[in-house]
Amino acid sequence: MEALRSKLTVEVTDEEFDTYLEGRATEMGLSADDLKRSPRVSDLRRDLEEDKIFEQLQTTANITEKKV
């Protein structure tokens, strides 16, 4: 993942992160503010970065299905 992160240009804006936090907070039954103060907040930003990396790969990769 680190190799991909260094090769691809992925930026998470504060607005994107706030939206992501709101969704995760709802899933966890917490407020977004509580989640922002959590020690895991940097892990959550990294999770969003990884999601964006996979999205970028899906849009640019030429993936074909093959029977083996």
PDB file of N, CA and C in Angstrom:
ATOM      1  N   MET A   1       0.820  -1.183   0.000  1.00  0.00           N
ATOM      2  CA  MET A   1       0.000   0.000   0.000  1.00  0.00           C
ATOM      3  C   MET A   1       0.871   1.256   0.000  1.00  0.00           C
ATOM      4  N   GLU A   2       1.961   1.215   0.713  1.00  0.00           N
ATOM      5  CA  GLU A   2       2.848   2.383   0.768  1.00  0.00           C
ATOM      6  C   GLU A   2       3.423   2.701  -0.608  1.00  0.00           C
ATOM      7  N   ALA A   3       3.749   1.657  -1.375  1.00  0.00           N
ATOM      8  CA  ALA A   3       4.276   1.879  -2.721  1.00  0.00           C
ATOM      9  C   ALA A   3       3.225   2.557  -3.597  1.00  0.00           C
ATOM     10  N   LEU A   4       1.986   2.120  -3.489  1.00  0.00           N
ATOM     11  CA  LEU A   4       0.912   2.753  -4.246  1.00  0.00           C
ATOM     12  C   LEU A   4       0.701   4.189  -3.794  1.00  0.00           C
ATOM     13  N   ARG A   5       0.729   4.394  -2.498  1.00  0.00           N
ATOM     14  CA  ARG A   5       0.527   5.735  -1.943  1.00  0.00           C
ATOM     15  C   ARG A   5       1.589   6.706  -2.473  1.00  0.00           C
ATOM     16  N   SER A   6       2.820   6.221  -2.600  1.00  0.00           N
ATOM     17  CA  SER A   6       3.888   7.103  -3.068  1.00  0.00           C
ATOM     18  C   SER A   6       3.808   7.353  -4.579  1.00  0.00           C
ATOM     19  N   LYS A   7       3.217   6.415  -5.332  1.00  0.00           N
ATOM     20  CA  LYS A   7       3.136   6.568  -6.786  1.00  0.00           C
ATOM     21  C   LYS A   7       1.891   7.319  -7.246  1.00  0.00           C
ATOM     22  N   LEU A   8       0.810   7.179  -6.506  1.00  0.00           N
ATOM     23  CA  LEU A   8      -0.441   7.821  -6.900  1.00  0.00           C
ATOM     24  C   LEU A   8      -0.620   9.127  -6.137  1.00  0.00           C
ATOM     25  N   THR A   9      -1.227  10.069  -6.792  1.00  0.00           N
ATOM     26  CA  THR A   9      -1.513  11.338  -6.135  1.00  0.00           C
ATOM     27  C   THR A   9      -2.908  11.254  -5.527  1.00  0.00           C
ATOM     28  N   VAL A  10      -2.957  11.114  -4.220  1.00  0.00           N
ATOM     29  CA  VAL A  10      -4.229  11.011  -3.520  1.00  0.00           C
ATOM     30  C   VAL A  10      -4.252  12.060  -2.423  1.00  0.00           C
ATOM     31  N   GLU A  11      -5.281  12.882  -2.462  1.00  0.00           N
ATOM     32  CA  GLU A  11      -5.420  13.916  -1.453  1.00  0.00           C
ATOM     33  C   GLU A  11      -6.801  13.806  -0.823  1.00  0.00           C
ATOM     34  N   VAL A  12      -6.848  13.881   0.487  1.00  0.00           N
ATOM     35  CA  VAL A  12      -8.108  13.881   1.212  1.00  0.00           C
ATOM     36  C   VAL A  12      -8.322  15.293   1.738  1.00  0.00           C
ATOM     37  N   THR A  13      -9.374  15.935   1.245  1.00  0.00           N
ATOM     38  CA  THR A  13      -9.662  17.285   1.716  1.00  0.00           C
ATOM     39  C   THR A  13     -10.338  17.213   3.081  1.00  0.00           C
ATOM     40  N   ASP A  14     -10.310  18.317   3.796  1.00  0.00           N
ATOM     41  CA  ASP A  14     -10.975  18.366   5.099  1.00  0.00           C
ATOM     42  C   ASP A  14     -12.468  18.111   4.947  1.00  0.00           C
ATOM     43  N   GLU A  15     -13.053  18.616   3.876  1.00  0.00           N
ATOM     44  CA  GLU A  15     -14.482  18.414   3.636  1.00  0.00           C
ATOM     45  C   GLU A  15     -14.796  16.932   3.406  1.00  0.00           C
ATOM     46  N   GLU A  16     -13.980  16.262   2.597  1.00  0.00           N
ATOM     47  CA  GLU A  16     -14.169  14.826   2.359  1.00  0.00           C
ATOM     48  C   GLU A  16     -14.023  14.045   3.658  1.00  0.00           C
ATOM     49  N   PHE A  17     -13.026  14.431   4.451  1.00  0.00           N
ATOM     50  CA  PHE A  17     -12.788  13.721   5.699  1.00  0.00           C
ATOM     51  C   PHE A  17     -13.936  13.931   6.679  1.00  0.00           C
ATOM     52  N   ASP A  18     -14.465  15.144   6.742  1.00  0.00           N
ATOM     53  CA  ASP A  18     -15.605  15.409   7.627  1.00  0.00           C
ATOM     54  C   ASP A  18     -16.811  14.570   7.226  1.00  0.00           C
ATOM     55  N   THR A  19     -17.066  14.475   5.926  1.00  0.00           N
ATOM     56  CA  THR A  19     -18.178  13.658   5.433  1.00  0.00           C
ATOM     57  C   THR A  19     -17.954  12.191   5.776  1.00  0.00           C
ATOM     58  N   TYR A  20     -16.731  11.719   5.586  1.00  0.00           N
ATOM     59  CA  TYR A  20     -16.372  10.338   5.910  1.00  0.00           C
ATOM     60  C   TYR A  20     -16.563  10.078   7.405  1.00  0.00           C
ATOM     61  N   LEU A  21     -16.095  11.021   8.237  1.00  0.00           N
ATOM     62  CA  LEU A  21     -16.236  10.867   9.687  1.00  0.00           C
ATOM     63  C   LEU A  21     -17.697  10.816  10.105  1.00  0.00           C
ATOM     64  N   GLU A  22     -18.524  11.640   9.499  1.00  0.00           N
ATOM     65  CA  GLU A  22     -19.946  11.635   9.832  1.00  0.00           C
ATOM     66  C   GLU A  22     -20.563  10.270   9.542  1.00  0.00           C
ATOM     67  N   GLY A  23     -20.215   9.705   8.396  1.00  0.00           N
ATOM     68  CA  GLY A  23     -20.728   8.381   8.044  1.00  0.00           C
ATOM     69  C   GLY A  23     -20.249   7.303   8.996  1.00  0.00           C
ATOM     70  N   ARG A  24     -18.968   7.316   9.296  1.00  0.00           N
ATOM     71  CA  ARG A  24     -18.407   6.319  10.223  1.00  0.00           C
ATOM     72  C   ARG A  24     -18.987   6.486  11.622  1.00  0.00           C
ATOM     73  N   ALA A  25     -19.149   7.734  12.056  1.00  0.00           N
ATOM     74  CA  ALA A  25     -19.700   7.998  13.385  1.00  0.00           C
ATOM     75  C   ALA A  25     -21.115   7.440  13.485  1.00  0.00           C
ATOM     76  N   THR A  26     -21.902   7.634  12.444  1.00  0.00           N
ATOM     77  CA  THR A  26     -23.266   7.112  12.429  1.00  0.00           C
ATOM     78  C   THR A  26     -23.253   5.593  12.535  1.00  0.00           C
ATOM     79  N   GLU A  27     -22.359   4.948  11.787  1.00  0.00           N
ATOM     80  CA  GLU A  27     -22.239   3.486  11.844  1.00  0.00           C
ATOM     81  C   GLU A  27     -21.885   3.006  13.242  1.00  0.00           C
ATOM     82  N   MET A  28     -21.077   3.795  13.951  1.00  0.00           N
ATOM     83  CA  MET A  28     -20.586   3.394  15.268  1.00  0.00           C
ATOM     84  C   MET A  28     -21.477   3.885  16.404  1.00  0.00           C
ATOM     85  N   GLY A  29     -22.498   4.664  16.087  1.00  0.00           N
ATOM     86  CA  GLY A  29     -23.372   5.196  17.121  1.00  0.00           C
ATOM     87  C   GLY A  29     -22.720   6.306  17.928  1.00  0.00           C
ATOM     88  N   LEU A  30     -21.824   7.056  17.310  1.00  0.00           N
ATOM     89  CA  LEU A  30     -21.119   8.156  17.972  1.00  0.00           C
ATOM     90  C   LEU A  30     -21.414   9.455  17.239  1.00  0.00           C
ATOM     91  N   SER A  31     -21.020  10.552  17.855  1.00  0.00           N
ATOM     92  CA  SER A  31     -21.093  11.830  17.146  1.00  0.00           C
ATOM     93  C   SER A  31     -19.792  12.015  16.369  1.00  0.00           C
ATOM     94  N   ALA A  32     -19.856  12.800  15.307  1.00  0.00           N
ATOM     95  CA  ALA A  32     -18.658  13.064  14.505  1.00  0.00           C
ATOM     96  C   ALA A  32     -17.605  13.771  15.347  1.00  0.00           C
ATOM     97  N   ASP A  33     -18.039  14.650  16.251  1.00  0.00           N
ATOM     98  CA  ASP A  33     -17.088  15.357  17.116  1.00  0.00           C
ATOM     99  C   ASP A  33     -16.351  14.394  18.043  1.00  0.00           C
ATOM    100  N   ASP A  34     -17.076  13.405  18.578  1.00  0.00           N
ATOM    101  CA  ASP A  34     -16.419  12.405  19.431  1.00  0.00           C
ATOM    102  C   ASP A  34     -15.376  11.632  18.634  1.00  0.00           C
ATOM    103  N   LEU A  35     -15.721  11.298  17.416  1.00  0.00           N
ATOM    104  CA  LEU A  35     -14.796  10.543  16.577  1.00  0.00           C
ATOM    105  C   LEU A  35     -13.573  11.382  16.205  1.00  0.00           C
ATOM    106  N   LYS A  36     -13.777  12.683  15.998  1.00  0.00           N
ATOM    107  CA  LYS A  36     -12.650  13.574  15.689  1.00  0.00           C
ATOM    108  C   LYS A  36     -11.658  13.642  16.842  1.00  0.00           C
ATOM    109  N   ARG A  37     -12.156  13.505  18.062  1.00  0.00           N
ATOM    110  CA  ARG A  37     -11.278  13.567  19.236  1.00  0.00           C
ATOM    111  C   ARG A  37     -10.677  12.208  19.587  1.00  0.00           C
ATOM    112  N   SER A  38     -11.079  11.196  18.855  1.00  0.00           N
ATOM    113  CA  SER A  38     -10.604   9.842  19.111  1.00  0.00           C
ATOM    114  C   SER A  38      -9.130   9.703  18.741  1.00  0.00           C
ATOM    115  N   PRO A  39      -8.403   8.855  19.473  1.00  0.00           N
ATOM    116  CA  PRO A  39      -7.010   8.597  19.107  1.00  0.00           C
ATOM    117  C   PRO A  39      -6.880   7.904  17.740  1.00  0.00           C
ATOM    118  N   ARG A  40      -7.977   7.361  17.232  1.00  0.00           N
ATOM    119  CA  ARG A  40      -7.963   6.657  15.938  1.00  0.00           C
ATOM    120  C   ARG A  40      -8.178   7.580  14.748  1.00  0.00           C
ATOM    121  N   VAL A  41      -8.290   8.882  14.980  1.00  0.00           N
ATOM    122  CA  VAL A  41      -8.639   9.792  13.889  1.00  0.00           C
ATOM    123  C   VAL A  41      -7.619   9.731  12.747  1.00  0.00           C
ATOM    124  N   SER A  42      -6.354   9.579  13.043  1.00  0.00           N
ATOM    125  CA  SER A  42      -5.355   9.490  11.966  1.00  0.00           C
ATOM    126  C   SER A  42      -5.508   8.177  11.191  1.00  0.00           C
ATOM    127  N   ASP A  43      -5.899   7.106  11.884  1.00  0.00           N
ATOM    128  CA  ASP A  43      -6.156   5.834  11.199  1.00  0.00           C
ATOM    129  C   ASP A  43      -7.345   5.967  10.247  1.00  0.00           C
ATOM    130  N   LEU A  44      -8.351   6.712  10.674  1.00  0.00           N
ATOM    131  CA  LEU A  44      -9.534   6.899   9.838  1.00  0.00           C
ATOM    132  C   LEU A  44      -9.206   7.707   8.584  1.00  0.00           C
ATOM    133  N   ARG A  45      -8.355   8.713   8.721  1.00  0.00           N
ATOM    134  CA  ARG A  45      -7.936   9.491   7.547  1.00  0.00           C
ATOM    135  C   ARG A  45      -7.161   8.581   6.588  1.00  0.00           C
ATOM    136  N   ARG A  46      -6.340   7.727   7.139  1.00  0.00           N
ATOM    137  CA  ARG A  46      -5.563   6.784   6.322  1.00  0.00           C
ATOM    138  C   ARG A  46      -6.502   5.795   5.616  1.00  0.00           C
ATOM    139  N   ASP A  47      -7.546   5.341   6.313  1.00  0.00           N
ATOM    140  CA  ASP A  47      -8.543   4.457   5.693  1.00  0.00           C
ATOM    141  C   ASP A  47      -9.183   5.127   4.481  1.00  0.00           C
ATOM    142  N   LEU A  48      -9.524   6.407   4.636  1.00  0.00           N
ATOM    143  CA  LEU A  48     -10.128   7.135   3.525  1.00  0.00           C
ATOM    144  C   LEU A  48      -9.135   7.290   2.376  1.00  0.00           C
ATOM    145  N   GLU A  49      -7.883   7.553   2.690  1.00  0.00           N
ATOM    146  CA  GLU A  49      -6.850   7.634   1.649  1.00  0.00           C
ATOM    147  C   GLU A  49      -6.767   6.315   0.882  1.00  0.00           C
ATOM    148  N   GLU A  50      -6.797   5.209   1.608  1.00  0.00           N
ATOM    149  CA  GLU A  50      -6.720   3.893   0.965  1.00  0.00           C
ATOM    150  C   GLU A  50      -7.942   3.639   0.091  1.00  0.00           C
ATOM    151  N   ASP A  51      -9.121   4.049   0.570  1.00  0.00           N
ATOM    152  CA  ASP A  51     -10.328   3.911  -0.251  1.00  0.00           C
ATOM    153  C   ASP A  51     -10.171   4.672  -1.561  1.00  0.00           C
ATOM    154  N   LYS A  52      -9.618   5.875  -1.472  1.00  0.00           N
ATOM    155  CA  LYS A  52      -9.430   6.689  -2.673  1.00  0.00           C
ATOM    156  C   LYS A  52      -8.381   6.079  -3.602  1.00  0.00           C
ATOM    157  N   ILE A  53      -7.363   5.450  -3.041  1.00  0.00           N
ATOM    158  CA  ILE A  53      -6.353   4.767  -3.859  1.00  0.00           C
ATOM    159  C   ILE A  53      -7.007   3.635  -4.643  1.00  0.00           C
ATOM    160  N   PHE A  54      -7.837   2.826  -3.967  1.00  0.00           N
ATOM    161  CA  PHE A  54      -8.514   1.725  -4.647  1.00  0.00           C
ATOM    162  C   PHE A  54      -9.476   2.240  -5.713  1.00  0.00           C
ATOM    163  N   GLU A  55     -10.173   3.338  -5.431  1.00  0.00           N
ATOM    164  CA  GLU A  55     -11.060   3.929  -6.435  1.00  0.00           C
ATOM    165  C   GLU A  55     -10.267   4.362  -7.664  1.00  0.00           C
ATOM    166  N   GLN A  56      -9.123   4.985  -7.424  1.00  0.00           N
ATOM    167  CA  GLN A  56      -8.284   5.440  -8.535  1.00  0.00           C
ATOM    168  C   GLN A  56      -7.778   4.246  -9.344  1.00  0.00           C
ATOM    169  N   LEU A  57      -7.396   3.181  -8.662  1.00  0.00           N
ATOM    170  CA  LEU A  57      -6.935   1.982  -9.364  1.00  0.00           C
ATOM    171  C   LEU A  57      -8.045   1.374 -10.210  1.00  0.00           C
ATOM    172  N   GLN A  58      -9.258   1.341  -9.665  1.00  0.00           N
ATOM    173  CA  GLN A  58     -10.380   0.768 -10.404  1.00  0.00           C
ATOM    174  C   GLN A  58     -10.685   1.550 -11.671  1.00  0.00           C
ATOM    175  N   THR A  59     -10.521   2.859 -11.618  1.00  0.00           N
ATOM    176  CA  THR A  59     -10.843   3.663 -12.796  1.00  0.00           C
ATOM    177  C   THR A  59      -9.729   3.648 -13.833  1.00  0.00           C
ATOM    178  N   THR A  60      -8.500   3.366 -13.409  1.00  0.00           N
ATOM    179  CA  THR A  60      -7.384   3.415 -14.357  1.00  0.00           C
ATOM    180  C   THR A  60      -6.859   2.045 -14.766  1.00  0.00           C
ATOM    181  N   ALA A  61      -7.136   1.036 -13.983  1.00  0.00           N
ATOM    182  CA  ALA A  61      -6.594  -0.296 -14.274  1.00  0.00           C
ATOM    183  C   ALA A  61      -7.404  -0.980 -15.369  1.00  0.00           C
ATOM    184  N   ASN A  62      -6.728  -1.785 -16.140  1.00  0.00           N
ATOM    185  CA  ASN A  62      -7.374  -2.595 -17.162  1.00  0.00           C
ATOM    186  C   ASN A  62      -7.492  -4.005 -16.597  1.00  0.00           C
ATOM    187  N   ILE A  63      -8.632  -4.275 -15.981  1.00  0.00           N
ATOM    188  CA  ILE A  63      -8.840  -5.556 -15.310  1.00  0.00           C
ATOM    189  C   ILE A  63      -9.714  -6.431 -16.193  1.00  0.00           C
ATOM    190  N   THR A  64      -9.244  -7.637 -16.442  1.00  0.00           N
ATOM    191  CA  THR A  64     -10.023  -8.590 -17.227  1.00  0.00           C
ATOM    192  C   THR A  64     -10.197  -9.867 -16.430  1.00  0.00           C
ATOM    193  N   GLU A  65     -11.312 -10.517 -16.669  1.00  0.00           N
ATOM    194  CA  GLU A  65     -11.594 -11.766 -15.982  1.00  0.00           C
ATOM    195  C   GLU A  65     -11.145 -12.911 -16.880  1.00  0.00           C
ATOM    196  N   LYS A  66     -10.507 -13.903 -16.272  1.00  0.00           N
ATOM    197  CA  LYS A  66      -9.955 -15.004 -17.051  1.00  0.00           C
ATOM    198  C   LYS A  66     -10.184 -16.308 -16.298  1.00  0.00           C
ATOM    199  N   LYS A  67     -10.647 -17.341 -16.999  1.00  0.00           N
ATOM    200  CA  LYS A  67     -10.797 -18.658 -16.380  1.00  0.00           C
ATOM    201  C   LYS A  67      -9.442 -19.329 -16.306  1.00  0.00           C
ATOM    202  N   VAL A  68      -9.173 -19.949 -15.173  1.00  0.00           N
ATOM    203  CA  VAL A  68      -7.915 -20.682 -15.012  1.00  0.00           C
ATOM    204  C   VAL A  68      -8.177 -22.120 -14.683  1.00  0.00           C
TER     205      VAL A  68
END
